[in-house]
Amino acid sequence: MKILNKKIASKKSSAAWIQRQAADPYVARAHKDGYRARAAYKLIEINERFKFLKNGQVVVDLGAAPGSWTQYVVRTFPRSKVFAMDLLEIVPIPDVEFYQGDFTSDEALQWLVEKLNLPDDAAKNGTVDVVLSDMAPNTVGHKKTDHLRQMVLLEYAFDFALRALKPGGTFVAKSFTGGTTGDLLKQIKEKFETVHHIKPPASRKDSVEMFIVALGYKG
């Protein structure tokens, strides 16, 4: 890949990023398999381990852009229905309903409520089988600040999962390593039969990202 913007191309960090991309087998594999990003293999590896995705499910993909997780679901489980959301625009994917906007806004939540036909009464069962969240904040390079921002998104996603999931449903969400993750994990464990905090092989070794995999929503 050649960067045409000379200011960007001159930066050592940009050059390092290009070299890392060129040497990354997951990048090459994504290109070969037709996935929009290497991130697809994070979900693939998580699902190969826990086998929570099945045909005919209702799946919500939060932080979906550029759409590789959604691609995997609709390719592998074509009878499932996917609702995807992100701040960034996503090139359309057949049979996927997409909302471009801020998941934490009332407007975005209302779109999900209507599309998923969620009950007004939070005590009633939801309609969703799997909630996926690969949401991440724009990082600033300050570890504590970046972690806190990620935790806010994780808490929003978890709160939505509690409302949206059917009993027995699954919640998979990105988290960052850090001090407060354990507190939220405790809350999640109270609501799900089993909870795992893992780093799939496709996550880069130098990345602080982890994934929470919560199985068997108690309702």
C-alpha atoms as a PDB file:
ATOM      1  CA  MET A   1       0.000   0.000   0.000  1.00  0.00           C
ATOM      2  CA  LYS A   2       1.335   3.407  -0.952  1.00  0.00           C
ATOM      3  CA  ILE A   3       0.333   6.496   1.045  1.00  0.00           C
ATOM      4  CA  LEU A   4      -0.091   9.500  -1.197  1.00  0.00           C
ATOM      5  CA  ASN A   5      -0.311  12.082   1.590  1.00  0.00           C
ATOM      6  CA  LYS A   6       3.348  13.025   2.159  1.00  0.00           C
ATOM      7  CA  LYS A   7       2.769  14.278   5.717  1.00  0.00           C
ATOM      8  CA  ILE A   8       1.258  10.970   6.723  1.00  0.00           C
ATOM      9  CA  ALA A   9       3.762   8.903   4.790  1.00  0.00           C
ATOM     10  CA  SER A  10       6.643  10.661   6.511  1.00  0.00           C
ATOM     11  CA  LYS A  11       5.534   9.602   9.952  1.00  0.00           C
ATOM     12  CA  LYS A  12       7.391   6.647  11.446  1.00  0.00           C
ATOM     13  CA  SER A  13       4.165   5.350  13.000  1.00  0.00           C
ATOM     14  CA  SER A  14       2.493   5.207   9.582  1.00  0.00           C
ATOM     15  CA  ALA A  15       5.432   3.353   8.086  1.00  0.00           C
ATOM     16  CA  ALA A  16       5.395   0.892  10.970  1.00  0.00           C
ATOM     17  CA  TRP A  17       1.649   0.365  10.523  1.00  0.00           C
ATOM     18  CA  ILE A  18       2.119  -0.410   6.820  1.00  0.00           C
ATOM     19  CA  GLN A  19       4.906  -2.877   7.573  1.00  0.00           C
ATOM     20  CA  ARG A  20       2.814  -4.575  10.234  1.00  0.00           C
ATOM     21  CA  GLN A  21      -0.175  -4.862   7.884  1.00  0.00           C
ATOM     22  CA  ALA A  22       1.985  -6.292   5.109  1.00  0.00           C
ATOM     23  CA  ALA A  23       3.438  -8.911   7.452  1.00  0.00           C
ATOM     24  CA  ASP A  24       0.130  -9.819   9.131  1.00  0.00           C
ATOM     25  CA  PRO A  25      -1.172 -13.220   7.957  1.00  0.00           C
ATOM     26  CA  TYR A  26      -4.704 -12.320   9.072  1.00  0.00           C
ATOM     27  CA  VAL A  27      -4.710  -9.303   6.755  1.00  0.00           C
ATOM     28  CA  ALA A  28      -3.712 -11.506   3.821  1.00  0.00           C
ATOM     29  CA  ARG A  29      -6.263 -14.129   4.835  1.00  0.00           C
ATOM     30  CA  ALA A  30      -9.059 -11.532   5.053  1.00  0.00           C
ATOM     31  CA  HIS A  31      -8.197 -10.283   1.581  1.00  0.00           C
ATOM     32  CA  LYS A  32      -8.217 -13.824   0.218  1.00  0.00           C
ATOM     33  CA  ASP A  33     -11.490 -14.765   1.928  1.00  0.00           C
ATOM     34  CA  GLY A  34     -13.234 -11.519   0.990  1.00  0.00           C
ATOM     35  CA  TYR A  35     -13.658 -10.124   4.487  1.00  0.00           C
ATOM     36  CA  ARG A  36     -13.525  -6.374   4.944  1.00  0.00           C
ATOM     37  CA  ALA A  37     -11.156  -6.557   7.905  1.00  0.00           C
ATOM     38  CA  ARG A  38      -8.927  -8.995   9.774  1.00  0.00           C
ATOM     39  CA  ALA A  39     -11.281  -8.567  12.756  1.00  0.00           C
ATOM     40  CA  ALA A  40     -13.550 -11.201  11.215  1.00  0.00           C
ATOM     41  CA  TYR A  41     -11.231 -13.908  12.517  1.00  0.00           C
ATOM     42  CA  LYS A  42     -11.601 -12.741  16.099  1.00  0.00           C
ATOM     43  CA  LEU A  43     -15.305 -13.608  15.963  1.00  0.00           C
ATOM     44  CA  ILE A  44     -14.642 -16.755  13.942  1.00  0.00           C
ATOM     45  CA  GLU A  45     -12.157 -18.007  16.538  1.00  0.00           C
ATOM     46  CA  ILE A  46     -14.429 -17.094  19.443  1.00  0.00           C
ATOM     47  CA  ASN A  47     -17.367 -18.898  17.850  1.00  0.00           C
ATOM     48  CA  GLU A  48     -15.287 -21.955  16.945  1.00  0.00           C
ATOM     49  CA  ARG A  49     -14.428 -22.257  20.626  1.00  0.00           C
ATOM     50  CA  PHE A  50     -17.869 -21.595  22.142  1.00  0.00           C
ATOM     51  CA  LYS A  51     -20.270 -22.399  19.253  1.00  0.00           C
ATOM     52  CA  PHE A  52     -22.986 -19.904  20.174  1.00  0.00           C
ATOM     53  CA  LEU A  53     -23.919 -18.789  16.648  1.00  0.00           C
ATOM     54  CA  LYS A  54     -26.518 -20.882  14.841  1.00  0.00           C
ATOM     55  CA  ASN A  55     -28.824 -20.571  11.874  1.00  0.00           C
ATOM     56  CA  GLY A  56     -32.112 -18.771  12.369  1.00  0.00           C
ATOM     57  CA  GLN A  57     -30.969 -16.453  15.160  1.00  0.00           C
ATOM     58  CA  VAL A  58     -31.539 -12.747  15.675  1.00  0.00           C
ATOM     59  CA  VAL A  59     -28.114 -11.095  16.035  1.00  0.00           C
ATOM     60  CA  VAL A  60     -27.206  -7.503  16.909  1.00  0.00           C
ATOM     61  CA  ASP A  61     -23.748  -6.263  15.868  1.00  0.00           C
ATOM     62  CA  LEU A  62     -22.698  -3.070  17.675  1.00  0.00           C
ATOM     63  CA  GLY A  63     -19.656  -1.173  16.440  1.00  0.00           C
ATOM     64  CA  ALA A  64     -20.024  -3.101  13.208  1.00  0.00           C
ATOM     65  CA  ALA A  65     -17.974  -1.030  10.733  1.00  0.00           C
ATOM     66  CA  PRO A  66     -16.549  -1.949   8.322  1.00  0.00           C
ATOM     67  CA  GLY A  67     -18.781  -5.023   8.608  1.00  0.00           C
ATOM     68  CA  SER A  68     -16.546  -8.096   8.829  1.00  0.00           C
ATOM     69  CA  TRP A  69     -18.326  -9.607  11.841  1.00  0.00           C
ATOM     70  CA  THR A  70     -21.670  -9.169  10.116  1.00  0.00           C
ATOM     71  CA  GLN A  71     -20.208 -10.679   6.956  1.00  0.00           C
ATOM     72  CA  TYR A  72     -19.200 -13.799   8.846  1.00  0.00           C
ATOM     73  CA  VAL A  73     -22.627 -14.226  10.448  1.00  0.00           C
ATOM     74  CA  VAL A  74     -24.642 -13.836   7.245  1.00  0.00           C
ATOM     75  CA  ARG A  75     -22.259 -16.026   5.220  1.00  0.00           C
ATOM     76  CA  THR A  76     -22.064 -18.852   7.705  1.00  0.00           C
ATOM     77  CA  PHE A  77     -25.600 -18.670   9.118  1.00  0.00           C
ATOM     78  CA  PRO A  78     -27.692 -17.362   6.206  1.00  0.00           C
ATOM     79  CA  ARG A  79     -31.041 -17.919   7.914  1.00  0.00           C
ATOM     80  CA  SER A  80     -30.097 -15.569  10.752  1.00  0.00           C
ATOM     81  CA  LYS A  81     -31.204 -11.930  10.823  1.00  0.00           C
ATOM     82  CA  VAL A  82     -28.563  -9.295  11.599  1.00  0.00           C
ATOM     83  CA  PHE A  83     -29.078  -5.728  12.791  1.00  0.00           C
ATOM     84  CA  ALA A  84     -25.849  -3.722  12.613  1.00  0.00           C
ATOM     85  CA  MET A  85     -24.951  -0.305  14.022  1.00  0.00           C
ATOM     86  CA  ASP A  86     -21.958   2.026  13.930  1.00  0.00           C
ATOM     87  CA  LEU A  87     -21.036   5.704  13.925  1.00  0.00           C
ATOM     88  CA  LEU A  88     -19.296   5.095  10.600  1.00  0.00           C
ATOM     89  CA  GLU A  89     -20.996   4.294   7.328  1.00  0.00           C
ATOM     90  CA  ILE A  90     -21.011   0.667   6.231  1.00  0.00           C
ATOM     91  CA  VAL A  91     -21.159  -0.462   2.622  1.00  0.00           C
ATOM     92  CA  PRO A  92     -24.500  -2.327   2.448  1.00  0.00           C
ATOM     93  CA  ILE A  93     -24.561  -6.058   3.089  1.00  0.00           C
ATOM     94  CA  PRO A  94     -27.533  -7.968   1.623  1.00  0.00           C
ATOM     95  CA  ASP A  95     -30.307  -8.830   4.087  1.00  0.00           C
ATOM     96  CA  VAL A  96     -28.705  -6.770   6.898  1.00  0.00           C
ATOM     97  CA  GLU A  97     -30.463  -3.781   8.445  1.00  0.00           C
ATOM     98  CA  PHE A  98     -27.995  -1.051   9.359  1.00  0.00           C
ATOM     99  CA  TYR A  99     -28.231   2.124  11.413  1.00  0.00           C
ATOM    100  CA  GLN A 100     -25.522   4.766  11.232  1.00  0.00           C
ATOM    101  CA  GLY A 101     -25.376   6.650  14.499  1.00  0.00           C
ATOM    102  CA  ASP A 102     -24.260   6.785  18.114  1.00  0.00           C
ATOM    103  CA  PHE A 103     -25.330   3.640  19.964  1.00  0.00           C
ATOM    104  CA  THR A 104     -25.452   5.585  23.232  1.00  0.00           C
ATOM    105  CA  SER A 105     -28.055   8.024  21.874  1.00  0.00           C
ATOM    106  CA  ASP A 106     -31.795   7.751  22.482  1.00  0.00           C
ATOM    107  CA  GLU A 107     -32.411   7.745  18.728  1.00  0.00           C
ATOM    108  CA  ALA A 108     -30.227   4.723  18.120  1.00  0.00           C
ATOM    109  CA  LEU A 109     -31.743   2.802  21.019  1.00  0.00           C
ATOM    110  CA  GLN A 110     -35.250   3.578  19.769  1.00  0.00           C
ATOM    111  CA  TRP A 111     -34.324   2.238  16.327  1.00  0.00           C
ATOM    112  CA  LEU A 112     -33.190  -1.019  17.899  1.00  0.00           C
ATOM    113  CA  VAL A 113     -36.272  -1.248  20.103  1.00  0.00           C
ATOM    114  CA  GLU A 114     -38.573  -0.864  17.107  1.00  0.00           C
ATOM    115  CA  LYS A 115     -36.637  -3.127  14.745  1.00  0.00           C
ATOM    116  CA  LEU A 116     -36.274  -5.862  17.342  1.00  0.00           C
ATOM    117  CA  ASN A 117     -39.796  -5.465  18.671  1.00  0.00           C
ATOM    118  CA  LEU A 118     -38.495  -5.266  22.219  1.00  0.00           C
ATOM    119  CA  PRO A 119     -41.099  -5.099  25.002  1.00  0.00           C
ATOM    120  CA  ASP A 120     -41.578  -1.837  26.890  1.00  0.00           C
ATOM    121  CA  ASP A 121     -41.511  -3.773  30.150  1.00  0.00           C
ATOM    122  CA  ALA A 122     -37.861  -4.522  30.971  1.00  0.00           C
ATOM    123  CA  ALA A 123     -39.019  -7.459  33.082  1.00  0.00           C
ATOM    124  CA  LYS A 124     -40.259  -9.295  29.981  1.00  0.00           C
ATOM    125  CA  ASN A 125     -38.052 -11.476  27.799  1.00  0.00           C
ATOM    126  CA  GLY A 126     -36.213  -9.936  24.875  1.00  0.00           C
ATOM    127  CA  THR A 127     -36.171 -11.072  21.244  1.00  0.00           C
ATOM    128  CA  VAL A 128     -32.446 -11.351  20.492  1.00  0.00           C
ATOM    129  CA  ASP A 129     -30.288 -14.490  20.536  1.00  0.00           C
ATOM    130  CA  VAL A 130     -26.836 -12.880  20.350  1.00  0.00           C
ATOM    131  CA  VAL A 131     -25.541  -9.373  21.102  1.00  0.00           C
ATOM    132  CA  LEU A 132     -22.086  -8.694  19.669  1.00  0.00           C
ATOM    133  CA  SER A 133     -20.090  -5.576  20.500  1.00  0.00           C
ATOM    134  CA  ASP A 134     -16.763  -4.711  18.922  1.00  0.00           C
ATOM    135  CA  MET A 135     -17.203  -1.064  19.911  1.00  0.00           C
ATOM    136  CA  ALA A 136     -14.069   0.825  20.894  1.00  0.00           C
ATOM    137  CA  PRO A 137     -13.457   4.501  21.636  1.00  0.00           C
ATOM    138  CA  ASN A 138     -11.065   6.757  19.784  1.00  0.00           C
ATOM    139  CA  THR A 139      -7.952   6.189  21.868  1.00  0.00           C
ATOM    140  CA  VAL A 140      -5.793   9.070  23.092  1.00  0.00           C
ATOM    141  CA  GLY A 141      -2.750   7.054  24.121  1.00  0.00           C
ATOM    142  CA  HIS A 142      -3.332   7.484  27.841  1.00  0.00           C
ATOM    143  CA  LYS A 143      -3.912   3.973  29.171  1.00  0.00           C
ATOM    144  CA  LYS A 144      -6.256   4.879  32.042  1.00  0.00           C
ATOM    145  CA  THR A 145      -8.348   7.281  29.958  1.00  0.00           C
ATOM    146  CA  ASP A 146      -8.645   4.841  27.068  1.00  0.00           C
ATOM    147  CA  HIS A 147      -9.654   2.071  29.467  1.00  0.00           C
ATOM    148  CA  LEU A 148     -12.349   4.185  31.133  1.00  0.00           C
ATOM    149  CA  ARG A 149     -13.798   5.154  27.760  1.00  0.00           C
ATOM    150  CA  GLN A 150     -13.912   1.511  26.739  1.00  0.00           C
ATOM    151  CA  MET A 151     -15.622   0.570  29.989  1.00  0.00           C
ATOM    152  CA  VAL A 152     -18.376   3.115  29.340  1.00  0.00           C
ATOM    153  CA  LEU A 153     -19.104   1.527  25.966  1.00  0.00           C
ATOM    154  CA  LEU A 154     -18.983  -1.950  27.492  1.00  0.00           C
ATOM    155  CA  GLU A 155     -21.460  -0.950  30.184  1.00  0.00           C
ATOM    156  CA  TYR A 156     -23.838   0.489  27.570  1.00  0.00           C
ATOM    157  CA  ALA A 157     -23.609  -2.727  25.555  1.00  0.00           C
ATOM    158  CA  PHE A 158     -24.185  -4.872  28.647  1.00  0.00           C
ATOM    159  CA  ASP A 159     -27.207  -2.818  29.685  1.00  0.00           C
ATOM    160  CA  PHE A 160     -28.672  -3.238  26.209  1.00  0.00           C
ATOM    161  CA  ALA A 161     -27.989  -6.988  26.261  1.00  0.00           C
ATOM    162  CA  LEU A 162     -29.948  -7.341  29.503  1.00  0.00           C
ATOM    163  CA  ARG A 163     -32.961  -5.777  27.848  1.00  0.00           C
ATOM    164  CA  ALA A 164     -32.651  -7.378  24.417  1.00  0.00           C
ATOM    165  CA  LEU A 165     -31.587 -10.992  24.988  1.00  0.00           C
ATOM    166  CA  LYS A 166     -33.815 -14.013  25.219  1.00  0.00           C
ATOM    167  CA  PRO A 167     -33.189 -16.417  28.108  1.00  0.00           C
ATOM    168  CA  GLY A 168     -30.211 -18.541  27.093  1.00  0.00           C
ATOM    169  CA  GLY A 169     -28.815 -15.777  24.888  1.00  0.00           C
ATOM    170  CA  THR A 170     -25.177 -14.808  24.372  1.00  0.00           C
ATOM    171  CA  PHE A 171     -23.285 -11.544  24.901  1.00  0.00           C
ATOM    172  CA  VAL A 172     -19.838 -11.060  23.325  1.00  0.00           C
ATOM    173  CA  ALA A 173     -18.086  -7.729  23.833  1.00  0.00           C
ATOM    174  CA  LYS A 174     -14.690  -6.110  23.524  1.00  0.00           C
ATOM    175  CA  SER A 175     -13.050  -4.911  26.720  1.00  0.00           C
ATOM    176  CA  PHE A 176      -9.620  -3.534  27.576  1.00  0.00           C
ATOM    177  CA  THR A 177      -7.365  -4.915  30.263  1.00  0.00           C
ATOM    178  CA  GLY A 178      -7.516  -2.687  33.336  1.00  0.00           C
ATOM    179  CA  GLY A 179      -8.547  -2.289  36.933  1.00  0.00           C
ATOM    180  CA  THR A 180     -12.328  -1.940  36.727  1.00  0.00           C
ATOM    181  CA  THR A 181     -12.980  -4.842  34.342  1.00  0.00           C
ATOM    182  CA  GLY A 182     -13.278  -7.239  37.281  1.00  0.00           C
ATOM    183  CA  ASP A 183     -16.155  -5.261  38.795  1.00  0.00           C
ATOM    184  CA  LEU A 184     -18.179  -5.422  35.612  1.00  0.00           C
ATOM    185  CA  LEU A 185     -17.297  -9.080  35.107  1.00  0.00           C
ATOM    186  CA  LYS A 186     -18.848  -9.781  38.500  1.00  0.00           C
ATOM    187  CA  GLN A 187     -22.097  -8.125  37.382  1.00  0.00           C
ATOM    188  CA  ILE A 188     -22.102 -10.054  34.127  1.00  0.00           C
ATOM    189  CA  LYS A 189     -21.529 -13.351  35.947  1.00  0.00           C
ATOM    190  CA  GLU A 190     -24.653 -12.717  37.989  1.00  0.00           C
ATOM    191  CA  LYS A 191     -26.728 -12.576  34.796  1.00  0.00           C
ATOM    192  CA  PHE A 192     -25.189 -15.411  32.745  1.00  0.00           C
ATOM    193  CA  GLU A 193     -24.560 -19.090  33.371  1.00  0.00           C
ATOM    194  CA  THR A 194     -20.917 -18.976  32.267  1.00  0.00           C
ATOM    195  CA  VAL A 195     -18.586 -16.059  31.526  1.00  0.00           C
ATOM    196  CA  HIS A 196     -15.145 -16.122  29.905  1.00  0.00           C
ATOM    197  CA  HIS A 197     -12.604 -13.303  29.488  1.00  0.00           C
ATOM    198  CA  ILE A 198     -10.392 -14.238  26.567  1.00  0.00           C
ATOM    199  CA  LYS A 199      -7.979 -12.977  23.917  1.00  0.00           C
ATOM    200  CA  PRO A 200      -8.480 -14.819  20.606  1.00  0.00           C
ATOM    201  CA  PRO A 201      -5.379 -15.627  18.532  1.00  0.00           C
ATOM    202  CA  ALA A 202      -6.396 -13.042  15.918  1.00  0.00           C
ATOM    203  CA  SER A 203      -5.978 -10.233  18.450  1.00  0.00           C
ATOM    204  CA  ARG A 204      -2.552  -8.742  18.044  1.00  0.00           C
ATOM    205  CA  LYS A 205      -0.139  -9.603  20.842  1.00  0.00           C
ATOM    206  CA  ASP A 206       0.592  -5.961  21.593  1.00  0.00           C
ATOM    207  CA  SER A 207      -3.102  -5.063  21.814  1.00  0.00           C
ATOM    208  CA  VAL A 208      -4.781  -4.517  25.189  1.00  0.00           C
ATOM    209  CA  GLU A 209      -8.114  -5.760  23.884  1.00  0.00           C
ATOM    210  CA  MET A 210      -9.854  -8.735  25.424  1.00  0.00           C
ATOM    211  CA  PHE A 211     -13.305 -10.180  24.789  1.00  0.00           C
ATOM    212  CA  ILE A 212     -15.984 -11.067  27.288  1.00  0.00           C
ATOM    213  CA  VAL A 213     -18.009 -14.107  26.239  1.00  0.00           C
ATOM    214  CA  ALA A 214     -21.133 -14.498  28.378  1.00  0.00           C
ATOM    215  CA  LEU A 215     -23.227 -17.597  27.675  1.00  0.00           C
ATOM    216  CA  GLY A 216     -26.654 -18.617  28.904  1.00  0.00           C
ATOM    217  CA  TYR A 217     -28.472 -15.405  29.817  1.00  0.00           C
ATOM    218  CA  LYS A 218     -30.602 -16.088  32.882  1.00  0.00           C
ATOM    219  CA  GLY A 219     -33.322 -13.581  31.939  1.00  0.00           C
END
